[in-house]
C-alpha atoms as a PDB file:
ATOM      1  CA  SER A   1      54.536  -8.161  66.289  1.00  0.00           C
ATOM      2  CA  LEU A   2      55.874 -10.218  68.973  1.00  0.00           C
ATOM      3  CA  PHE A   3      59.682 -11.149  68.629  1.00  0.00           C
ATOM      4  CA  MET A   4      61.901 -12.867  71.033  1.00  0.00           C
ATOM      5  CA  GLY A   5      64.611 -10.695  71.745  1.00  0.00           C
ATOM      6  CA  SER A   6      68.250 -11.023  72.172  1.00  0.00           C
ATOM      7  CA  PHE A   7      70.098  -7.845  73.595  1.00  0.00           C
ATOM      8  CA  VAL A   8      67.514  -5.184  75.541  1.00  0.00           C
ATOM      9  CA  PHE A   9      68.474  -2.114  77.304  1.00  0.00           C
ATOM     10  CA  ALA A  10      66.723  -0.044  80.052  1.00  0.00           C
ATOM     11  CA  GLN A  11      64.985  -2.896  81.014  1.00  0.00           C
ATOM     12  CA  LYS A  12      62.265  -2.379  84.160  1.00  0.00           C
ATOM     13  CA  THR A  13      60.266  -3.823  86.210  1.00  0.00           C
ATOM     14  CA  PRO A  14      56.008  -2.842  85.177  1.00  0.00           C
ATOM     15  CA  SER A  15      54.113  -2.000  87.726  1.00  0.00           C
ATOM     16  CA  THR A  16      50.440  -3.069  87.805  1.00  0.00           C
ATOM     17  CA  THR A  17      49.488  -0.169  89.672  1.00  0.00           C
ATOM     18  CA  SER A  18      50.908   2.503  87.606  1.00  0.00           C
ATOM     19  CA  PRO A  19      52.505   3.173  84.924  1.00  0.00           C
ATOM     20  CA  THR A  20      56.124   2.943  84.619  1.00  0.00           C
ATOM     21  CA  HIS A  21      57.229   3.087  81.347  1.00  0.00           C
ATOM     22  CA  LYS A  22      57.820   6.625  79.830  1.00  0.00           C
ATOM     23  CA  GLN A  23      59.985   5.735  76.645  1.00  0.00           C
ATOM     24  CA  PRO A  24      59.793   1.880  75.049  1.00  0.00           C
ATOM     25  CA  HIS A  25      63.026   0.340  75.576  1.00  0.00           C
ATOM     26  CA  THR A  26      65.595   0.285  72.657  1.00  0.00           C
ATOM     27  CA  LEU A  27      66.215  -3.408  71.121  1.00  0.00           C
ATOM     28  CA  THR A  28      69.707  -4.862  69.633  1.00  0.00           C
ATOM     29  CA  LYS A  29      69.107  -8.098  68.291  1.00  0.00           C
ATOM     30  CA  ARG A  30      65.402  -9.334  67.650  1.00  0.00           C
ATOM     31  CA  SER A  31      63.919 -12.909  65.460  1.00  0.00           C
ATOM     32  CA  THR A  32      61.797 -13.376  63.698  1.00  0.00           C
ATOM     33  CA  PRO A  33      57.741 -12.537  64.750  1.00  0.00           C
ATOM     34  CA  PHE A  34      56.046 -15.218  66.902  1.00  0.00           C
ATOM     35  CA  TRP A  35      52.859 -13.182  66.344  1.00  0.00           C
ATOM     36  CA  SER A  36      51.926 -10.441  64.146  1.00  0.00           C
ATOM     37  CA  ASP A  37      48.655  -8.252  63.073  1.00  0.00           C
ATOM     38  CA  ASP A  38      48.036  -6.117  60.616  1.00  0.00           C
ATOM     39  CA  PHE A  39      44.738  -4.404  60.967  1.00  0.00           C
ATOM     40  CA  SER A  40      43.230  -6.286  57.572  1.00  0.00           C
ATOM     41  CA  ASP A  41      40.997  -7.867  58.990  1.00  0.00           C
ATOM     42  CA  ALA A  42      39.279  -5.193  62.244  1.00  0.00           C
ATOM     43  CA  GLY A  43      37.632  -8.840  63.670  1.00  0.00           C
ATOM     44  CA  THR A  44      40.487  -9.525  65.345  1.00  0.00           C
ATOM     45  CA  TRP A  45      40.358  -6.508  67.360  1.00  0.00           C
ATOM     46  CA  GLU A  46      37.831  -5.582  70.337  1.00  0.00           C
ATOM     47  CA  ILE A  47      37.183  -1.748  70.526  1.00  0.00           C
ATOM     48  CA  THR A  48      35.642  -1.089  73.867  1.00  0.00           C
ATOM     49  CA  ASN A  49      35.796   2.028  76.262  1.00  0.00           C
ATOM     50  CA  GLY A  50      35.826   2.722  79.891  1.00  0.00           C
ATOM     51  CA  THR A  51      32.874   3.764  82.025  1.00  0.00           C
ATOM     52  CA  GLY A  52      30.899   6.313  81.270  1.00  0.00           C
ATOM     53  CA  ASN A  53      32.756   7.212  78.186  1.00  0.00           C
ATOM     54  CA  ASN A  54      31.084   6.583  74.635  1.00  0.00           C
ATOM     55  CA  ASP A  55      34.178   7.906  72.087  1.00  0.00           C
ATOM     56  CA  ASN A  56      35.795   4.574  70.496  1.00  0.00           C
ATOM     57  CA  TRP A  57      39.032   3.349  68.397  1.00  0.00           C
ATOM     58  CA  VAL A  58      37.575   2.715  64.515  1.00  0.00           C
ATOM     59  CA  ILE A  59      39.819   0.130  62.564  1.00  0.00           C
ATOM     60  CA  GLY A  60      40.300   1.501  58.917  1.00  0.00           C
ATOM     61  CA  THR A  61      42.243   3.762  55.887  1.00  0.00           C
ATOM     62  CA  ASP A  62      40.710   6.717  56.728  1.00  0.00           C
ATOM     63  CA  GLY A  63      43.347   8.928  58.319  1.00  0.00           C
ATOM     64  CA  PRO A  64      41.473  12.067  61.354  1.00  0.00           C
ATOM     65  CA  SER A  65      38.500  14.177  60.289  1.00  0.00           C
ATOM     66  CA  GLY A  66      38.739  16.478  63.683  1.00  0.00           C
ATOM     67  CA  THR A  67      39.426  20.536  63.106  1.00  0.00           C
ATOM     68  CA  TYR A  68      42.838  20.075  64.182  1.00  0.00           C
ATOM     69  CA  LYS A  69      44.624  17.101  62.641  1.00  0.00           C
ATOM     70  CA  ILE A  70      47.231  15.169  62.463  1.00  0.00           C
ATOM     71  CA  ASP A  71      48.539  13.517  58.839  1.00  0.00           C
ATOM     72  CA  LYS A  72      47.634   9.980  58.255  1.00  0.00           C
ATOM     73  CA  ILE A  73      50.196   7.870  59.287  1.00  0.00           C
ATOM     74  CA  GLN A  74      52.465   6.231  56.292  1.00  0.00           C
ATOM     75  CA  SER A  75      52.344   2.760  57.747  1.00  0.00           C
ATOM     76  CA  THR A  76      53.700   0.237  55.896  1.00  0.00           C
ATOM     77  CA  THR A  77      51.053  -1.702  55.087  1.00  0.00           C
ATOM     78  CA  ALA A  78      48.350   1.666  56.235  1.00  0.00           C
ATOM     79  CA  SER A  79      46.745   0.650  52.773  1.00  0.00           C
ATOM     80  CA  ASN A  80      44.627  -2.383  54.247  1.00  0.00           C
ATOM     81  CA  GLY A  81      43.895  -0.414  57.775  1.00  0.00           C
ATOM     82  CA  PHE A  82      45.021   0.656  60.940  1.00  0.00           C
ATOM     83  CA  ALA A  83      43.591   2.042  64.287  1.00  0.00           C
ATOM     84  CA  LEU A  84      42.624   5.312  64.754  1.00  0.00           C
ATOM     85  CA  TYR A  85      41.880   7.358  68.122  1.00  0.00           C
ATOM     86  CA  ASP A  86      40.618  10.506  67.278  1.00  0.00           C
ATOM     87  CA  SER A  87      40.283  12.224  69.920  1.00  0.00           C
ATOM     88  CA  ASP A  88      39.167  15.961  67.831  1.00  0.00           C
ATOM     89  CA  LYS A  89      36.870  14.363  66.008  1.00  0.00           C
ATOM     90  CA  MET A  90      34.745  13.020  69.137  1.00  0.00           C
ATOM     91  CA  CYS A  91      35.823  15.406  71.323  1.00  0.00           C
ATOM     92  CA  SER A  92      33.478  14.283  73.949  1.00  0.00           C
ATOM     93  CA  HIS A  93      35.596  15.667  76.772  1.00  0.00           C
ATOM     94  CA  ASN A  94      35.925  12.159  78.742  1.00  0.00           C
ATOM     95  CA  GLN A  95      37.350   9.937  76.288  1.00  0.00           C
ATOM     96  CA  ASP A  96      38.833   6.027  77.638  1.00  0.00           C
ATOM     97  CA  GLY A  97      39.086   4.023  74.734  1.00  0.00           C
ATOM     98  CA  TYR A  98      40.351   0.317  74.479  1.00  0.00           C
ATOM     99  CA  LEU A  99      41.697  -1.463  71.711  1.00  0.00           C
ATOM    100  CA  THR A 100      42.146  -4.773  72.063  1.00  0.00           C
ATOM    101  CA  THR A 101      43.526  -8.432  70.850  1.00  0.00           C
ATOM    102  CA  LYS A 102      40.580  -9.828  70.728  1.00  0.00           C
ATOM    103  CA  ASN A 103      41.679 -13.945  71.161  1.00  0.00           C
ATOM    104  CA  PRO A 104      44.634 -14.504  73.348  1.00  0.00           C
ATOM    105  CA  ILE A 105      48.461 -14.872  72.054  1.00  0.00           C
ATOM    106  CA  ASP A 106      50.610 -18.610  73.064  1.00  0.00           C
ATOM    107  CA  CYS A 107      53.777 -17.118  74.128  1.00  0.00           C
ATOM    108  CA  SER A 108      54.416 -19.881  76.752  1.00  0.00           C
ATOM    109  CA  SER A 109      57.482 -21.449  74.343  1.00  0.00           C
ATOM    110  CA  HIS A 110      59.184 -17.923  74.484  1.00  0.00           C
ATOM    111  CA  SER A 111      61.013 -15.751  76.186  1.00  0.00           C
ATOM    112  CA  ASN A 112      62.051 -11.823  76.093  1.00  0.00           C
ATOM    113  CA  ILE A 113      59.468 -11.088  74.413  1.00  0.00           C
ATOM    114  CA  ILE A 114      59.481  -7.704  72.155  1.00  0.00           C
ATOM    115  CA  LEU A 115      55.579  -6.258  71.308  1.00  0.00           C
ATOM    116  CA  SER A 116      56.409  -3.420  68.519  1.00  0.00           C
ATOM    117  CA  PHE A 117      54.180  -1.826  65.782  1.00  0.00           C
ATOM    118  CA  GLU A 118      54.081   1.646  64.224  1.00  0.00           C
ATOM    119  CA  SER A 119      52.705   4.765  65.154  1.00  0.00           C
ATOM    120  CA  PHE A 120      51.649   8.226  64.662  1.00  0.00           C
ATOM    121  CA  TYR A 121      50.526  10.118  67.645  1.00  0.00           C
ATOM    122  CA  ARG A 122      50.877  13.998  68.897  1.00  0.00           C
ATOM    123  CA  LYS A 123      49.770  15.109  72.297  1.00  0.00           C
ATOM    124  CA  TYR A 124      47.420  17.104  73.916  1.00  0.00           C
ATOM    125  CA  LYS A 125      46.299  16.974  77.576  1.00  0.00           C
ATOM    126  CA  ASP A 126      45.785  13.402  77.112  1.00  0.00           C
ATOM    127  CA  ASN A 127      48.265   9.901  77.916  1.00  0.00           C
ATOM    128  CA  ILE A 128      48.278   6.870  75.533  1.00  0.00           C
ATOM    129  CA  PHE A 129      49.471   4.025  76.990  1.00  0.00           C
ATOM    130  CA  VAL A 130      50.290  -0.162  76.439  1.00  0.00           C
ATOM    131  CA  GLU A 131      48.663  -2.817  78.858  1.00  0.00           C
ATOM    132  CA  ILE A 132      49.134  -5.889  78.079  1.00  0.00           C
ATOM    133  CA  SER A 133      47.929  -9.386  80.245  1.00  0.00           C
ATOM    134  CA  ASN A 134      47.880 -12.833  81.077  1.00  0.00           C
ATOM    135  CA  ASP A 135      44.359 -13.275  81.957  1.00  0.00           C
ATOM    136  CA  GLY A 136      42.706 -10.456  80.413  1.00  0.00           C
ATOM    137  CA  THR A 137      41.764  -9.250  83.479  1.00  0.00           C
ATOM    138  CA  ASN A 138      44.752  -7.671  85.036  1.00  0.00           C
ATOM    139  CA  TRP A 139      46.448  -5.732  83.613  1.00  0.00           C
ATOM    140  CA  THR A 140      50.219  -4.001  83.885  1.00  0.00           C
ATOM    141  CA  SER A 141      50.752  -0.370  82.116  1.00  0.00           C
ATOM    142  CA  PHE A 142      53.127   1.776  80.105  1.00  0.00           C
ATOM    143  CA  GLU A 143      52.712   4.538  79.365  1.00  0.00           C
ATOM    144  CA  ILE A 144      54.224   5.272  76.051  1.00  0.00           C
ATOM    145  CA  HIS A 145      55.533   9.074  75.128  1.00  0.00           C
ATOM    146  CA  GLY A 146      55.500  10.369  79.158  1.00  0.00           C
ATOM    147  CA  ASP A 147      57.979  12.619  78.056  1.00  0.00           C
ATOM    148  CA  TYR A 148      56.126  14.412  75.616  1.00  0.00           C
ATOM    149  CA  GLY A 149      54.264  17.561  76.167  1.00  0.00           C
ATOM    150  CA  VAL A 150      51.637  19.185  75.215  1.00  0.00           C
ATOM    151  CA  ASN A 151      51.653  19.897  70.909  1.00  0.00           C
ATOM    152  CA  ASP A 152      54.498  17.217  70.960  1.00  0.00           C
ATOM    153  CA  MET A 153      54.364  15.107  68.415  1.00  0.00           C
ATOM    154  CA  ASP A 154      55.783  11.694  66.554  1.00  0.00           C
ATOM    155  CA  PRO A 155      59.151  13.120  65.009  1.00  0.00           C
ATOM    156  CA  THR A 156      58.563  10.716  61.761  1.00  0.00           C
ATOM    157  CA  ASN A 157      55.703   9.206  60.084  1.00  0.00           C
ATOM    158  CA  PRO A 158      55.601   6.695  60.987  1.00  0.00           C
ATOM    159  CA  THR A 159      58.278   6.227  64.422  1.00  0.00           C
ATOM    160  CA  TYR A 160      58.479   2.480  65.476  1.00  0.00           C
ATOM    161  CA  GLU A 161      58.334   2.001  68.756  1.00  0.00           C
ATOM    162  CA  SER A 162      59.582  -1.432  70.702  1.00  0.00           C
ATOM    163  CA  LEU A 163      58.798  -2.020  74.298  1.00  0.00           C
ATOM    164  CA  PHE A 164      60.087  -4.777  76.354  1.00  0.00           C
ATOM    165  CA  ILE A 165      56.672  -6.937  77.732  1.00  0.00           C
ATOM    166  CA  GLY A 166      58.579 -10.400  79.323  1.00  0.00           C
ATOM    167  CA  SER A 167      58.172  -9.769  82.796  1.00  0.00           C
ATOM    168  CA  ILE A 168      54.175 -10.173  82.008  1.00  0.00           C
ATOM    169  CA  ALA A 169      54.093 -12.189  78.353  1.00  0.00           C
ATOM    170  CA  ASP A 170      56.620 -14.650  78.584  1.00  0.00           C
ATOM    171  CA  GLY A 171      56.013 -18.506  79.046  1.00  0.00           C
ATOM    172  CA  GLN A 172      52.460 -17.962  78.809  1.00  0.00           C
ATOM    173  CA  SER A 173      50.114 -19.413  77.633  1.00  0.00           C
ATOM    174  CA  THR A 174      47.127 -16.915  77.272  1.00  0.00           C
ATOM    175  CA  VAL A 175      48.342 -13.141  76.262  1.00  0.00           C
ATOM    176  CA  TYR A 176      46.105  -9.690  75.479  1.00  0.00           C
ATOM    177  CA  ILE A 177      47.691  -6.400  73.909  1.00  0.00           C
ATOM    178  CA  ARG A 178      45.846  -3.716  74.500  1.00  0.00           C
ATOM    179  CA  PHE A 179      46.370  -0.186  73.479  1.00  0.00           C
ATOM    180  CA  ARG A 180      44.724   2.608  75.218  1.00  0.00           C
ATOM    181  CA  PHE A 181      43.878   6.461  74.918  1.00  0.00           C
ATOM    182  CA  LYS A 182      42.717   8.546  78.260  1.00  0.00           C
ATOM    183  CA  SER A 183      41.908  12.029  78.265  1.00  0.00           C
ATOM    184  CA  LEU A 184      39.236  12.154  80.784  1.00  0.00           C
ATOM    185  CA  SER A 185      39.460  15.619  82.150  1.00  0.00           C
ATOM    186  CA  GLU A 186      40.279  17.239  78.519  1.00  0.00           C
ATOM    187  CA  GLY A 187      38.643  14.534  75.990  1.00  0.00           C
ATOM    188  CA  CYS A 188      39.918  16.432  73.132  1.00  0.00           C
ATOM    189  CA  ASP A 189      42.798  16.229  71.931  1.00  0.00           C
ATOM    190  CA  TYR A 190      44.558  15.267  68.582  1.00  0.00           C
ATOM    191  CA  SER A 191      44.795  11.631  67.971  1.00  0.00           C
ATOM    192  CA  TRP A 192      46.428   8.412  67.354  1.00  0.00           C
ATOM    193  CA  GLN A 193      47.103   5.843  65.217  1.00  0.00           C
ATOM    194  CA  VAL A 194      48.904   2.740  65.139  1.00  0.00           C
ATOM    195  CA  ASP A 195      49.907   0.073  62.393  1.00  0.00           C
ATOM    196  CA  ASP A 196      51.565  -3.286  62.020  1.00  0.00           C
ATOM    197  CA  VAL A 197      51.611  -5.110  65.515  1.00  0.00           C
END
């Protein structure tokens, strides 16, 4: 969901050259969302990957199924679909997967914008990011759970994530959101599941 936030703690200015946000920001107050997506229509998302990569996100209702699978996400609307990057199942040893909103989101009338989503994730040697663009070409990366070590996982299923994206999205008419799973050195990790964006 995208919200107009009233108060945000630990606000930083992100970089387009390197992720500066190790953790989503804490909210004290937020408004009713002006945009949301619950993955009930896979056609609202575009699935792509980096050069030389073939492992993709999937949208559906099946949970991870690799050798070292984690539990299926218990998100609010898991029964009508969620997004999954099942690194362990694909295990190509070269992964860079993107899940991007197909259509731009009009944020021109909004400020102090906060992105929230439900997530369930376990880390091995991969990195996960939320990336935001206001033109569909140039992206700003926010690393999610950059403080996790090998085998760390979310303490709850799902985990509720919130991220201040106003420095890129405020007042912009063509905002795109994408989720990125990157594991170029290992490429055989656990998984990341996302819902109720």
